[in-house]
């Protein structure tokens, strides 16, 4: 029984780590897309693509 609980604990920690890494990457991408949308030299097409990827 202890082995099963240990395996579940390890799996939960791995899943949490992956979720945290994904969240961090997503936040970074969102910030980049927001910056791109505000750049005056960005084309309308680039701004639209950034908006779509952000949402």
PDB file of N, CA and C in Angstrom:
ATOM      1  N   UNK A   1       0.817  -1.203   0.000  1.00  0.00           N
ATOM      2  CA  UNK A   1       0.000   0.000   0.000  1.00  0.00           C
ATOM      3  C   UNK A   1       0.865   1.274   0.000  1.00  0.00           C
ATOM      4  N   UNK A   2       1.936   1.232   0.771  1.00  0.00           N
ATOM      5  CA  UNK A   2       2.825   2.390   0.833  1.00  0.00           C
ATOM      6  C   UNK A   2       3.468   2.664  -0.522  1.00  0.00           C
ATOM      7  N   UNK A   3       3.774   1.588  -1.262  1.00  0.00           N
ATOM      8  CA  UNK A   3       4.381   1.755  -2.577  1.00  0.00           C
ATOM      9  C   UNK A   3       3.435   2.471  -3.531  1.00  0.00           C
ATOM     10  N   UNK A   4       2.169   2.125  -3.438  1.00  0.00           N
ATOM     11  CA  UNK A   4       1.166   2.747  -4.304  1.00  0.00           C
ATOM     12  C   UNK A   4       1.035   4.229  -3.971  1.00  0.00           C
ATOM     13  N   UNK A   5       0.983   4.539  -2.706  1.00  0.00           N
ATOM     14  CA  UNK A   5       0.887   5.937  -2.286  1.00  0.00           C
ATOM     15  C   UNK A   5       2.125   6.722  -2.714  1.00  0.00           C
ATOM     16  N   UNK A   6       3.276   6.086  -2.631  1.00  0.00           N
ATOM     17  CA  UNK A   6       4.518   6.733  -3.039  1.00  0.00           C
ATOM     18  C   UNK A   6       4.508   7.018  -4.549  1.00  0.00           C
ATOM     19  N   UNK A   7       4.037   6.046  -5.320  1.00  0.00           N
ATOM     20  CA  UNK A   7       3.957   6.233  -6.763  1.00  0.00           C
ATOM     21  C   UNK A   7       2.963   7.336  -7.117  1.00  0.00           C
ATOM     22  N   UNK A   8       1.836   7.368  -6.433  1.00  0.00           N
ATOM     23  CA  UNK A   8       0.844   8.417  -6.673  1.00  0.00           C
ATOM     24  C   UNK A   8       1.403   9.787  -6.320  1.00  0.00           C
ATOM     25  N   UNK A   9       2.154   9.865  -5.242  1.00  0.00           N
ATOM     26  CA  UNK A   9       2.758  11.131  -4.828  1.00  0.00           C
ATOM     27  C   UNK A   9       3.765  11.621  -5.872  1.00  0.00           C
ATOM     28  N   UNK A  10       4.598  10.710  -6.379  1.00  0.00           N
ATOM     29  CA  UNK A  10       5.566  11.081  -7.407  1.00  0.00           C
ATOM     30  C   UNK A  10       4.869  11.549  -8.678  1.00  0.00           C
ATOM     31  N   UNK A  11       3.814  10.846  -9.054  1.00  0.00           N
ATOM     32  CA  UNK A  11       3.065  11.220 -10.257  1.00  0.00           C
ATOM     33  C   UNK A  11       2.420  12.590 -10.077  1.00  0.00           C
ATOM     34  N   UNK A  12       1.843  12.832  -8.923  1.00  0.00           N
ATOM     35  CA  UNK A  12       1.206  14.122  -8.654  1.00  0.00           C
ATOM     36  C   UNK A  12       2.229  15.256  -8.713  1.00  0.00           C
ATOM     37  N   UNK A  13       3.412  15.024  -8.182  1.00  0.00           N
ATOM     38  CA  UNK A  13       4.458  16.051  -8.207  1.00  0.00           C
ATOM     39  C   UNK A  13       4.910  16.335  -9.638  1.00  0.00           C
ATOM     40  N   UNK A  14       5.040  15.271 -10.451  1.00  0.00           N
ATOM     41  CA  UNK A  14       5.435  15.461 -11.851  1.00  0.00           C
ATOM     42  C   UNK A  14       4.386  16.255 -12.611  1.00  0.00           C
ATOM     43  N   UNK A  15       3.122  15.895 -12.394  1.00  0.00           N
ATOM     44  CA  UNK A  15       2.032  16.595 -13.078  1.00  0.00           C
ATOM     45  C   UNK A  15       2.003  18.060 -12.658  1.00  0.00           C
ATOM     46  N   UNK A  16       2.182  18.327 -11.369  1.00  0.00           N
ATOM     47  CA  UNK A  16       2.176  19.707 -10.876  1.00  0.00           C
ATOM     48  C   UNK A  16       3.331  20.499 -11.469  1.00  0.00           C
ATOM     49  N   UNK A  17       4.509  19.873 -11.569  1.00  0.00           N
ATOM     50  CA  UNK A  17       5.671  20.543 -12.141  1.00  0.00           C
ATOM     51  C   UNK A  17       5.418  20.900 -13.602  1.00  0.00           C
ATOM     52  N   UNK A  18       4.864  19.967 -14.347  1.00  0.00           N
ATOM     53  CA  UNK A  18       4.555  20.211 -15.758  1.00  0.00           C
ATOM     54  C   UNK A  18       3.525  21.324 -15.899  1.00  0.00           C
ATOM     55  N   UNK A  19       2.507  21.301 -15.050  1.00  0.00           N
ATOM     56  CA  UNK A  19       1.472  22.342 -15.098  1.00  0.00           C
ATOM     57  C   UNK A  19       2.073  23.714 -14.803  1.00  0.00           C
ATOM     58  N   UNK A  20       2.948  23.786 -13.824  1.00  0.00           N
ATOM     59  CA  UNK A  20       3.587  25.061 -13.478  1.00  0.00           C
ATOM     60  C   UNK A  20       4.456  25.574 -14.628  1.00  0.00           C
ATOM     61  N   UNK A  21       5.218  24.669 -15.254  1.00  0.00           N
ATOM     62  CA  UNK A  21       6.066  25.074 -16.377  1.00  0.00           C
ATOM     63  C   UNK A  21       5.228  25.562 -17.551  1.00  0.00           C
ATOM     64  N   UNK A  22       4.135  24.886 -17.807  1.00  0.00           N
ATOM     65  CA  UNK A  22       3.246  25.284 -18.898  1.00  0.00           C
ATOM     66  C   UNK A  22       2.630  26.647 -18.616  1.00  0.00           C
ATOM     67  N   UNK A  23       2.250  26.871 -17.377  1.00  0.00           N
ATOM     68  CA  UNK A  23       1.650  28.148 -17.004  1.00  0.00           C
ATOM     69  C   UNK A  23       2.647  29.289 -17.177  1.00  0.00           C
ATOM     70  N   UNK A  24       3.894  29.063 -16.767  1.00  0.00           N
ATOM     71  CA  UNK A  24       4.928  30.089 -16.911  1.00  0.00           C
ATOM     72  C   UNK A  24       5.177  30.420 -18.387  1.00  0.00           C
ATOM     73  N   UNK A  25       5.269  29.395 -19.206  1.00  0.00           N
ATOM     74  CA  UNK A  25       5.498  29.603 -20.637  1.00  0.00           C
ATOM     75  C   UNK A  25       4.330  30.353 -21.259  1.00  0.00           C
ATOM     76  N   UNK A  26       3.139  30.002 -20.848  1.00  0.00           N
ATOM     77  CA  UNK A  26       1.947  30.656 -21.379  1.00  0.00           C
ATOM     78  C   UNK A  26       1.916  32.139 -21.005  1.00  0.00           C
ATOM     79  N   UNK A  27       2.284  32.440 -19.786  1.00  0.00           N
ATOM     80  CA  UNK A  27       2.309  33.839 -19.347  1.00  0.00           C
ATOM     81  C   UNK A  27       3.352  34.642 -20.130  1.00  0.00           C
ATOM     82  N   UNK A  28       4.504  34.028 -20.401  1.00  0.00           N
ATOM     83  CA  UNK A  28       5.542  34.707 -21.174  1.00  0.00           C
ATOM     84  C   UNK A  28       5.062  34.981 -22.598  1.00  0.00           C
ATOM     85  N   UNK A  29       4.424  33.981 -23.196  1.00  0.00           N
ATOM     86  CA  UNK A  29       3.921  34.160 -24.563  1.00  0.00           C
ATOM     87  C   UNK A  29       2.853  35.242 -24.618  1.00  0.00           C
ATOM     88  N   UNK A  30       1.978  35.263 -23.638  1.00  0.00           N
ATOM     89  CA  UNK A  30       0.927  36.272 -23.604  1.00  0.00           C
ATOM     90  C   UNK A  30       1.528  37.669 -23.536  1.00  0.00           C
ATOM     91  N   UNK A  31       2.547  37.847 -22.728  1.00  0.00           N
ATOM     92  CA  UNK A  31       3.195  39.153 -22.608  1.00  0.00           C
ATOM     93  C   UNK A  31       3.836  39.561 -23.937  1.00  0.00           C
ATOM     94  N   UNK A  32       4.462  38.610 -24.615  1.00  0.00           N
ATOM     95  CA  UNK A  32       5.083  38.907 -25.914  1.00  0.00           C
ATOM     96  C   UNK A  32       4.022  39.302 -26.931  1.00  0.00           C
ATOM     97  N   UNK A  33       2.906  38.564 -26.966  1.00  0.00           N
ATOM     98  CA  UNK A  33       1.846  38.869 -27.928  1.00  0.00           C
ATOM     99  C   UNK A  33       1.230  40.238 -27.650  1.00  0.00           C
ATOM    100  N   UNK A  34       1.083  40.595 -26.375  1.00  0.00           N
ATOM    101  CA  UNK A  34       0.546  41.914 -26.036  1.00  0.00           C
ATOM    102  C   UNK A  34       1.491  43.023 -26.491  1.00  0.00           C
ATOM    103  N   UNK A  35       2.778  42.803 -26.313  1.00  0.00           N
ATOM    104  CA  UNK A  35       3.758  43.793 -26.748  1.00  0.00           C
ATOM    105  C   UNK A  35       3.721  43.962 -28.269  1.00  0.00           C
ATOM    106  N   UNK A  36       3.600  42.856 -28.971  1.00  0.00           N
ATOM    107  CA  UNK A  36       3.551  42.910 -30.425  1.00  0.00           C
ATOM    108  C   UNK A  36       2.335  43.691 -30.901  1.00  0.00           C
ATOM    109  N   UNK A  37       1.218  43.507 -30.241  1.00  0.00           N
ATOM    110  CA  UNK A  37       0.002  44.218 -30.650  1.00  0.00           C
ATOM    111  C   UNK A  37       0.147  45.726 -30.470  1.00  0.00           C
ATOM    112  N   UNK A  38       0.980  46.153 -29.556  1.00  0.00           N
ATOM    113  CA  UNK A  38       1.124  47.577 -29.271  1.00  0.00           C
ATOM    114  C   UNK A  38       2.249  48.232 -30.078  1.00  0.00           C
ATOM    115  N   UNK A  39       3.013  47.450 -30.809  1.00  0.00           N
ATOM    116  CA  UNK A  39       4.114  47.993 -31.598  1.00  0.00           C
ATOM    117  C   UNK A  39       3.574  48.719 -32.829  1.00  0.00           C
ATOM    118  N   UNK A  40       3.934  49.976 -33.012  1.00  0.00           N
ATOM    119  CA  UNK A  40       3.434  50.722 -34.169  1.00  0.00           C
ATOM    120  C   UNK A  40       3.967  50.186 -35.499  1.00  0.00           C
ATOM    121  N   UNK A  41       5.157  49.580 -35.478  1.00  0.00           N
ATOM    122  CA  UNK A  41       5.713  49.074 -36.738  1.00  0.00           C
ATOM    123  C   UNK A  41       5.205  47.678 -37.110  1.00  0.00           C
ATOM    124  N   UNK A  42       4.428  47.048 -36.245  1.00  0.00           N
ATOM    125  CA  UNK A  42       3.860  45.731 -36.562  1.00  0.00           C
ATOM    126  C   UNK A  42       2.749  45.885 -37.596  1.00  0.00           C
ATOM    127  N   UNK A  43       2.717  44.959 -38.532  1.00  0.00           N
ATOM    128  CA  UNK A  43       1.670  45.017 -39.558  1.00  0.00           C
ATOM    129  C   UNK A  43       0.345  44.579 -38.951  1.00  0.00           C
ATOM    130  N   UNK A  44      -0.732  44.914 -39.635  1.00  0.00           N
ATOM    131  CA  UNK A  44      -2.053  44.525 -39.162  1.00  0.00           C
ATOM    132  C   UNK A  44      -2.149  42.998 -39.084  1.00  0.00           C
ATOM    133  N   UNK A  45      -1.550  42.326 -40.050  1.00  0.00           N
ATOM    134  CA  UNK A  45      -1.574  40.854 -40.063  1.00  0.00           C
ATOM    135  C   UNK A  45      -0.859  40.292 -38.824  1.00  0.00           C
ATOM    136  N   UNK A  46       0.281  40.865 -38.480  1.00  0.00           N
ATOM    137  CA  UNK A  46       1.018  40.410 -37.301  1.00  0.00           C
ATOM    138  C   UNK A  46       0.207  40.645 -36.029  1.00  0.00           C
ATOM    139  N   UNK A  47      -0.464  41.789 -35.967  1.00  0.00           N
ATOM    140  CA  UNK A  47      -1.267  42.100 -34.787  1.00  0.00           C
ATOM    141  C   UNK A  47      -2.437  41.126 -34.658  1.00  0.00           C
ATOM    142  N   UNK A  48      -3.050  40.792 -35.773  1.00  0.00           N
ATOM    143  CA  UNK A  48      -4.177  39.854 -35.740  1.00  0.00           C
ATOM    144  C   UNK A  48      -3.698  38.467 -35.307  1.00  0.00           C
ATOM    145  N   UNK A  49      -2.579  38.018 -35.869  1.00  0.00           N
ATOM    146  CA  UNK A  49      -2.029  36.714 -35.489  1.00  0.00           C
ATOM    147  C   UNK A  49      -1.691  36.691 -33.996  1.00  0.00           C
ATOM    148  N   UNK A  50      -1.106  37.764 -33.495  1.00  0.00           N
ATOM    149  CA  UNK A  50      -0.764  37.839 -32.076  1.00  0.00           C
ATOM    150  C   UNK A  50      -2.020  37.789 -31.230  1.00  0.00           C
ATOM    151  N   UNK A  51      -3.063  38.470 -31.658  1.00  0.00           N
ATOM    152  CA  UNK A  51      -4.318  38.463 -30.918  1.00  0.00           C
ATOM    153  C   UNK A  51      -4.920  37.058 -30.872  1.00  0.00           C
ATOM    154  N   UNK A  52      -4.890  36.372 -32.006  1.00  0.00           N
ATOM    155  CA  UNK A  52      -5.448  35.018 -32.055  1.00  0.00           C
ATOM    156  C   UNK A  52      -4.655  34.063 -31.159  1.00  0.00           C
ATOM    157  N   UNK A  53      -3.334  34.166 -31.196  1.00  0.00           N
ATOM    158  CA  UNK A  53      -2.516  33.281 -30.386  1.00  0.00           C
ATOM    159  C   UNK A  53      -2.653  33.594 -28.905  1.00  0.00           C
ATOM    160  N   UNK A  54      -2.922  34.841 -28.604  1.00  0.00           N
ATOM    161  CA  UNK A  54      -3.051  35.254 -27.190  1.00  0.00           C
ATOM    162  C   UNK A  54      -4.335  34.705 -26.579  1.00  0.00           C
ATOM    163  N   UNK A  55      -5.367  34.590 -27.389  1.00  0.00           N
ATOM    164  CA  UNK A  55      -6.664  34.146 -26.845  1.00  0.00           C
ATOM    165  C   UNK A  55      -6.874  32.675 -26.948  1.00  0.00           C
TER     166      UNK A  55
END
